[in-house]
């Protein structure tokens, strides 16, 4: 069982990043996949999720700026993040919903 997040980095406000999460097939196929973030000193929160059929849901603060998608042939889920804000800073994790499988996360820092 493996989840590997990548694509984080340092970006200026207003910039963009694309996160990727590669998952083992056993914890990808048939699961709704979520992207979570944990800001410094705060609890982990759900940012967006996507069902196996591609239906998406977003936390209010990222609507219109973030897009979640998945490639079921590659067992990979993506998070395109545009117009980034300093409050988007945090470690981003992917997770098959209702499981306790987590990767190491990827750090996103939005700062000028």
N, C-alpha and C. Protein backbone atom coordinates (compact mmCIF):
# COMPACT_ATOMS: atom_id res chain seq x y z
N UNK A 1 0.86 -1.19 0.00
CA UNK A 1 0.00 0.00 0.00
C UNK A 1 0.89 1.23 0.00
N UNK A 2 0.68 2.10 -0.97
CA UNK A 2 1.57 3.25 -1.09
C UNK A 2 0.82 4.45 -1.66
N UNK A 3 1.08 5.60 -1.07
CA UNK A 3 0.59 6.87 -1.57
C UNK A 3 1.78 7.82 -1.61
N UNK A 4 2.05 8.39 -2.78
CA UNK A 4 3.21 9.26 -2.92
C UNK A 4 2.76 10.58 -3.53
N UNK A 5 2.81 11.63 -2.71
CA UNK A 5 2.45 12.97 -3.16
C UNK A 5 3.68 13.70 -3.68
N UNK A 6 3.48 14.54 -4.68
CA UNK A 6 4.58 15.33 -5.24
C UNK A 6 4.03 16.61 -5.85
N UNK A 7 4.94 17.54 -6.17
CA UNK A 7 4.56 18.75 -6.87
C UNK A 7 4.52 20.01 -6.03
N UNK A 8 4.76 19.89 -4.74
CA UNK A 8 4.76 21.06 -3.89
C UNK A 8 5.98 21.93 -4.12
N UNK A 9 5.99 23.09 -3.46
CA UNK A 9 7.13 23.99 -3.59
C UNK A 9 6.79 25.37 -3.07
N UNK A 10 7.70 26.29 -3.32
CA UNK A 10 7.52 27.68 -2.93
C UNK A 10 7.00 28.47 -4.14
N UNK A 11 5.93 29.20 -3.94
CA UNK A 11 5.33 29.97 -5.03
C UNK A 11 4.85 31.31 -4.48
N UNK A 12 4.88 32.31 -5.33
CA UNK A 12 4.41 33.64 -4.92
C UNK A 12 2.88 33.69 -4.95
N UNK A 13 2.29 34.56 -4.17
CA UNK A 13 0.83 34.74 -4.24
C UNK A 13 0.39 35.02 -5.67
N UNK A 14 -0.70 34.36 -6.06
CA UNK A 14 -1.19 34.47 -7.42
C UNK A 14 -0.63 33.40 -8.35
N UNK A 15 0.35 32.66 -7.90
CA UNK A 15 0.96 31.63 -8.72
C UNK A 15 0.16 30.33 -8.74
N UNK A 16 0.72 29.33 -9.42
CA UNK A 16 0.04 28.05 -9.60
C UNK A 16 0.99 26.89 -9.30
N UNK A 17 0.40 25.80 -8.87
CA UNK A 17 1.11 24.54 -8.70
C UNK A 17 0.17 23.41 -9.08
N UNK A 18 0.74 22.30 -9.49
CA UNK A 18 -0.04 21.09 -9.76
C UNK A 18 0.52 19.96 -8.91
N UNK A 19 -0.30 19.46 -8.01
CA UNK A 19 0.10 18.35 -7.16
C UNK A 19 -0.34 17.04 -7.79
N UNK A 20 0.45 15.99 -7.54
CA UNK A 20 0.11 14.65 -8.00
C UNK A 20 0.19 13.69 -6.83
N UNK A 21 -0.61 12.66 -6.88
CA UNK A 21 -0.57 11.60 -5.89
C UNK A 21 -0.70 10.27 -6.61
N UNK A 22 0.36 9.48 -6.55
CA UNK A 22 0.35 8.16 -7.15
C UNK A 22 0.01 7.13 -6.08
N UNK A 23 -0.96 6.28 -6.37
CA UNK A 23 -1.45 5.33 -5.37
C UNK A 23 -1.34 3.90 -5.88
N UNK A 24 -1.18 2.99 -4.93
CA UNK A 24 -1.28 1.58 -5.27
C UNK A 24 -2.69 1.29 -5.78
N UNK A 25 -2.81 0.39 -6.72
CA UNK A 25 -4.12 0.11 -7.30
C UNK A 25 -5.15 -0.36 -6.29
N UNK A 26 -4.68 -1.07 -5.26
CA UNK A 26 -5.62 -1.62 -4.28
C UNK A 26 -6.29 -0.54 -3.44
N UNK A 27 -5.71 0.65 -3.38
CA UNK A 27 -6.32 1.73 -2.60
C UNK A 27 -6.69 2.89 -3.50
N UNK A 28 -6.91 2.64 -4.75
CA UNK A 28 -7.32 3.70 -5.66
C UNK A 28 -8.61 3.35 -6.37
N UNK A 29 -8.60 2.20 -7.03
CA UNK A 29 -9.77 1.81 -7.80
C UNK A 29 -11.00 1.67 -6.91
N UNK A 30 -12.05 2.37 -7.29
CA UNK A 30 -13.29 2.27 -6.54
C UNK A 30 -13.39 3.19 -5.35
N UNK A 31 -12.34 3.93 -5.04
CA UNK A 31 -12.36 4.84 -3.89
C UNK A 31 -12.54 6.29 -4.32
N UNK A 32 -13.31 7.03 -3.54
CA UNK A 32 -13.26 8.48 -3.64
C UNK A 32 -11.92 8.93 -3.08
N UNK A 33 -11.21 9.77 -3.82
CA UNK A 33 -9.89 10.24 -3.41
C UNK A 33 -9.99 11.70 -2.97
N UNK A 34 -9.38 11.98 -1.83
CA UNK A 34 -9.41 13.34 -1.30
C UNK A 34 -8.03 13.94 -1.21
N UNK A 35 -7.98 15.25 -1.37
CA UNK A 35 -6.78 16.03 -1.05
C UNK A 35 -7.06 16.80 0.24
N UNK A 36 -6.14 16.69 1.17
CA UNK A 36 -6.24 17.37 2.45
C UNK A 36 -5.04 18.28 2.61
N UNK A 37 -5.16 19.29 3.45
CA UNK A 37 -3.99 20.09 3.79
C UNK A 37 -3.97 20.33 5.30
N UNK A 38 -2.75 20.47 5.77
CA UNK A 38 -2.55 20.79 7.18
C UNK A 38 -1.66 22.01 7.28
N UNK A 39 -2.25 23.11 7.68
CA UNK A 39 -1.50 24.35 7.87
C UNK A 39 -0.77 24.29 9.20
N UNK A 40 0.30 25.06 9.35
CA UNK A 40 1.05 25.07 10.61
C UNK A 40 0.14 25.37 11.79
N UNK A 41 0.17 24.50 12.79
CA UNK A 41 -0.61 24.72 14.00
C UNK A 41 -2.09 24.45 13.88
N UNK A 42 -2.51 23.90 12.75
CA UNK A 42 -3.94 23.63 12.54
C UNK A 42 -4.18 22.16 12.25
N UNK A 43 -5.44 21.78 12.34
CA UNK A 43 -5.80 20.41 12.04
C UNK A 43 -5.87 20.19 10.52
N UNK A 44 -5.70 18.95 10.12
CA UNK A 44 -5.82 18.59 8.73
C UNK A 44 -7.26 18.81 8.27
N UNK A 45 -7.43 19.38 7.07
CA UNK A 45 -8.77 19.64 6.56
C UNK A 45 -8.89 19.15 5.12
N UNK A 46 -10.11 18.76 4.77
CA UNK A 46 -10.37 18.32 3.40
C UNK A 46 -10.45 19.53 2.48
N UNK A 47 -9.72 19.47 1.38
CA UNK A 47 -9.71 20.56 0.40
C UNK A 47 -10.64 20.23 -0.77
N UNK A 48 -10.54 19.01 -1.25
CA UNK A 48 -11.36 18.61 -2.40
C UNK A 48 -11.37 17.09 -2.47
N UNK A 49 -12.42 16.54 -3.10
CA UNK A 49 -12.41 15.12 -3.36
C UNK A 49 -13.06 14.81 -4.70
N UNK A 50 -12.78 13.62 -5.20
CA UNK A 50 -13.30 13.19 -6.51
C UNK A 50 -13.69 11.73 -6.42
N UNK A 51 -14.91 11.42 -6.88
CA UNK A 51 -15.41 10.05 -6.85
C UNK A 51 -14.78 9.24 -7.98
N UNK A 52 -14.93 7.91 -7.95
CA UNK A 52 -14.38 7.10 -9.05
C UNK A 52 -14.93 7.51 -10.42
N UNK A 53 -16.14 8.03 -10.46
CA UNK A 53 -16.73 8.44 -11.74
C UNK A 53 -16.38 9.87 -12.13
N UNK A 54 -15.68 10.59 -11.23
CA UNK A 54 -15.23 11.93 -11.57
C UNK A 54 -16.03 13.08 -10.98
N UNK A 55 -17.01 12.77 -10.13
CA UNK A 55 -17.76 13.86 -9.49
C UNK A 55 -16.89 14.50 -8.43
N UNK A 56 -16.89 15.84 -8.39
CA UNK A 56 -15.97 16.56 -7.51
C UNK A 56 -16.70 17.39 -6.46
N UNK A 57 -15.97 17.68 -5.39
CA UNK A 57 -16.48 18.53 -4.32
C UNK A 57 -15.32 19.34 -3.77
N UNK A 58 -15.59 20.61 -3.40
CA UNK A 58 -14.52 21.50 -2.95
C UNK A 58 -14.90 22.21 -1.65
N UNK A 59 -13.89 22.47 -0.85
CA UNK A 59 -14.05 23.33 0.31
C UNK A 59 -14.25 24.75 -0.20
N UNK A 60 -15.07 25.52 0.52
CA UNK A 60 -15.49 26.83 0.00
C UNK A 60 -14.33 27.75 -0.37
N UNK A 61 -13.28 27.75 0.42
CA UNK A 61 -12.19 28.72 0.20
C UNK A 61 -11.39 28.46 -1.07
N UNK A 62 -11.53 27.27 -1.66
CA UNK A 62 -10.74 26.94 -2.85
C UNK A 62 -11.60 26.86 -4.12
N UNK A 63 -12.91 26.99 -3.96
CA UNK A 63 -13.79 26.92 -5.13
C UNK A 63 -13.43 27.99 -6.15
N UNK A 64 -13.32 27.57 -7.41
CA UNK A 64 -12.96 28.50 -8.47
C UNK A 64 -11.47 28.67 -8.67
N UNK A 65 -10.68 28.16 -7.73
CA UNK A 65 -9.22 28.27 -7.84
C UNK A 65 -8.54 26.92 -8.00
N UNK A 66 -9.07 25.90 -7.34
CA UNK A 66 -8.48 24.56 -7.38
C UNK A 66 -9.34 23.63 -8.23
N UNK A 67 -8.67 22.69 -8.89
CA UNK A 67 -9.38 21.66 -9.66
C UNK A 67 -8.78 20.30 -9.34
N UNK A 68 -9.62 19.40 -8.87
CA UNK A 68 -9.18 18.03 -8.61
C UNK A 68 -9.58 17.15 -9.79
N UNK A 69 -8.71 16.21 -10.12
CA UNK A 69 -9.01 15.28 -11.21
C UNK A 69 -8.29 13.97 -10.93
N UNK A 70 -8.64 12.94 -11.66
CA UNK A 70 -8.00 11.64 -11.47
C UNK A 70 -7.82 10.96 -12.82
N UNK A 71 -6.78 10.16 -12.89
CA UNK A 71 -6.52 9.33 -14.06
C UNK A 71 -6.56 7.89 -13.57
N UNK A 72 -7.66 7.22 -13.84
CA UNK A 72 -7.85 5.86 -13.32
C UNK A 72 -6.93 4.85 -14.00
N UNK A 73 -6.37 5.20 -15.15
CA UNK A 73 -5.44 4.29 -15.82
C UNK A 73 -4.05 4.36 -15.20
N UNK A 74 -3.77 5.47 -14.51
CA UNK A 74 -2.46 5.67 -13.88
C UNK A 74 -2.52 5.62 -12.36
N UNK A 75 -3.71 5.36 -11.80
CA UNK A 75 -3.89 5.35 -10.34
C UNK A 75 -3.35 6.64 -9.72
N UNK A 76 -3.67 7.75 -10.33
CA UNK A 76 -3.12 9.04 -9.91
C UNK A 76 -4.24 10.06 -9.78
N UNK A 77 -4.15 10.86 -8.73
CA UNK A 77 -5.09 11.97 -8.53
C UNK A 77 -4.27 13.26 -8.53
N UNK A 78 -4.86 14.31 -9.10
CA UNK A 78 -4.17 15.58 -9.25
C UNK A 78 -4.94 16.69 -8.54
N UNK A 79 -4.19 17.74 -8.21
CA UNK A 79 -4.82 18.95 -7.69
C UNK A 79 -4.14 20.14 -8.37
N UNK A 80 -4.85 20.76 -9.30
CA UNK A 80 -4.36 21.97 -9.94
C UNK A 80 -4.77 23.15 -9.08
N UNK A 81 -3.79 23.92 -8.65
CA UNK A 81 -4.04 25.04 -7.75
C UNK A 81 -3.62 26.34 -8.43
N UNK A 82 -4.57 27.21 -8.66
CA UNK A 82 -4.32 28.50 -9.29
C UNK A 82 -4.63 29.63 -8.33
N UNK A 83 -4.10 30.81 -8.65
CA UNK A 83 -4.33 32.00 -7.82
C UNK A 83 -4.08 31.68 -6.34
N UNK A 84 -2.94 31.11 -6.07
CA UNK A 84 -2.62 30.69 -4.71
C UNK A 84 -2.51 31.87 -3.77
N UNK A 85 -2.91 31.64 -2.52
CA UNK A 85 -2.90 32.66 -1.48
C UNK A 85 -2.04 32.19 -0.31
N UNK A 86 -1.51 33.10 0.48
CA UNK A 86 -0.69 32.68 1.63
C UNK A 86 -1.42 31.69 2.54
N UNK A 87 -2.72 31.81 2.67
CA UNK A 87 -3.47 30.89 3.54
C UNK A 87 -3.60 29.48 2.96
N UNK A 88 -3.13 29.28 1.73
CA UNK A 88 -3.09 27.93 1.15
C UNK A 88 -1.84 27.17 1.59
N UNK A 89 -0.95 27.83 2.29
CA UNK A 89 0.28 27.20 2.75
C UNK A 89 -0.02 26.02 3.68
N UNK A 90 0.71 24.93 3.47
CA UNK A 90 0.54 23.76 4.32
C UNK A 90 1.10 22.53 3.65
N UNK A 91 1.02 21.43 4.36
CA UNK A 91 1.39 20.14 3.80
C UNK A 91 0.12 19.50 3.21
N UNK A 92 0.20 19.09 1.97
CA UNK A 92 -0.94 18.51 1.26
C UNK A 92 -0.78 16.99 1.18
N UNK A 93 -1.86 16.32 1.52
CA UNK A 93 -1.90 14.85 1.52
C UNK A 93 -3.07 14.37 0.66
N UNK A 94 -2.89 13.19 0.05
CA UNK A 94 -4.04 12.55 -0.57
C UNK A 94 -4.45 11.36 0.29
N UNK A 95 -5.69 10.96 0.16
CA UNK A 95 -6.23 9.91 1.02
C UNK A 95 -7.43 9.27 0.35
N UNK A 96 -7.45 7.94 0.30
CA UNK A 96 -8.68 7.27 -0.13
C UNK A 96 -9.69 7.42 1.00
N UNK A 97 -10.82 8.04 0.72
CA UNK A 97 -11.74 8.39 1.79
C UNK A 97 -12.20 7.16 2.58
N UNK A 98 -12.34 7.40 3.87
CA UNK A 98 -12.78 6.40 4.84
C UNK A 98 -11.75 5.29 5.04
N UNK A 99 -10.49 5.58 4.71
CA UNK A 99 -9.39 4.69 5.05
C UNK A 99 -8.39 5.46 5.90
N UNK A 100 -7.45 4.73 6.46
CA UNK A 100 -6.41 5.37 7.26
C UNK A 100 -5.06 5.32 6.55
N UNK A 101 -5.11 5.34 5.22
CA UNK A 101 -3.88 5.33 4.44
C UNK A 101 -3.48 6.76 4.10
N UNK A 102 -2.25 7.11 4.46
CA UNK A 102 -1.73 8.45 4.21
C UNK A 102 -0.30 8.35 3.70
N UNK A 103 0.05 9.27 2.80
CA UNK A 103 1.44 9.39 2.38
C UNK A 103 2.18 10.36 3.26
N UNK A 104 3.37 10.76 2.83
CA UNK A 104 4.18 11.69 3.60
C UNK A 104 3.80 13.14 3.33
N UNK A 105 3.04 13.37 2.28
CA UNK A 105 2.60 14.72 1.97
C UNK A 105 3.62 15.49 1.15
N UNK A 106 3.18 16.63 0.63
CA UNK A 106 4.06 17.52 -0.10
C UNK A 106 3.79 18.95 0.38
N UNK A 107 4.87 19.69 0.64
CA UNK A 107 4.75 21.01 1.25
C UNK A 107 4.52 22.08 0.20
N UNK A 108 3.50 22.89 0.43
CA UNK A 108 3.20 24.05 -0.41
C UNK A 108 3.39 25.29 0.43
N UNK A 109 4.23 26.19 -0.05
CA UNK A 109 4.46 27.45 0.66
C UNK A 109 4.15 28.59 -0.30
N UNK A 110 3.21 29.43 0.10
CA UNK A 110 2.82 30.58 -0.72
C UNK A 110 3.29 31.84 0.01
N UNK A 111 4.29 32.47 -0.56
CA UNK A 111 4.89 33.62 0.11
C UNK A 111 5.62 34.49 -0.90
N UNK A 112 5.64 35.77 -0.63
CA UNK A 112 6.39 36.69 -1.48
C UNK A 112 7.79 36.94 -0.90
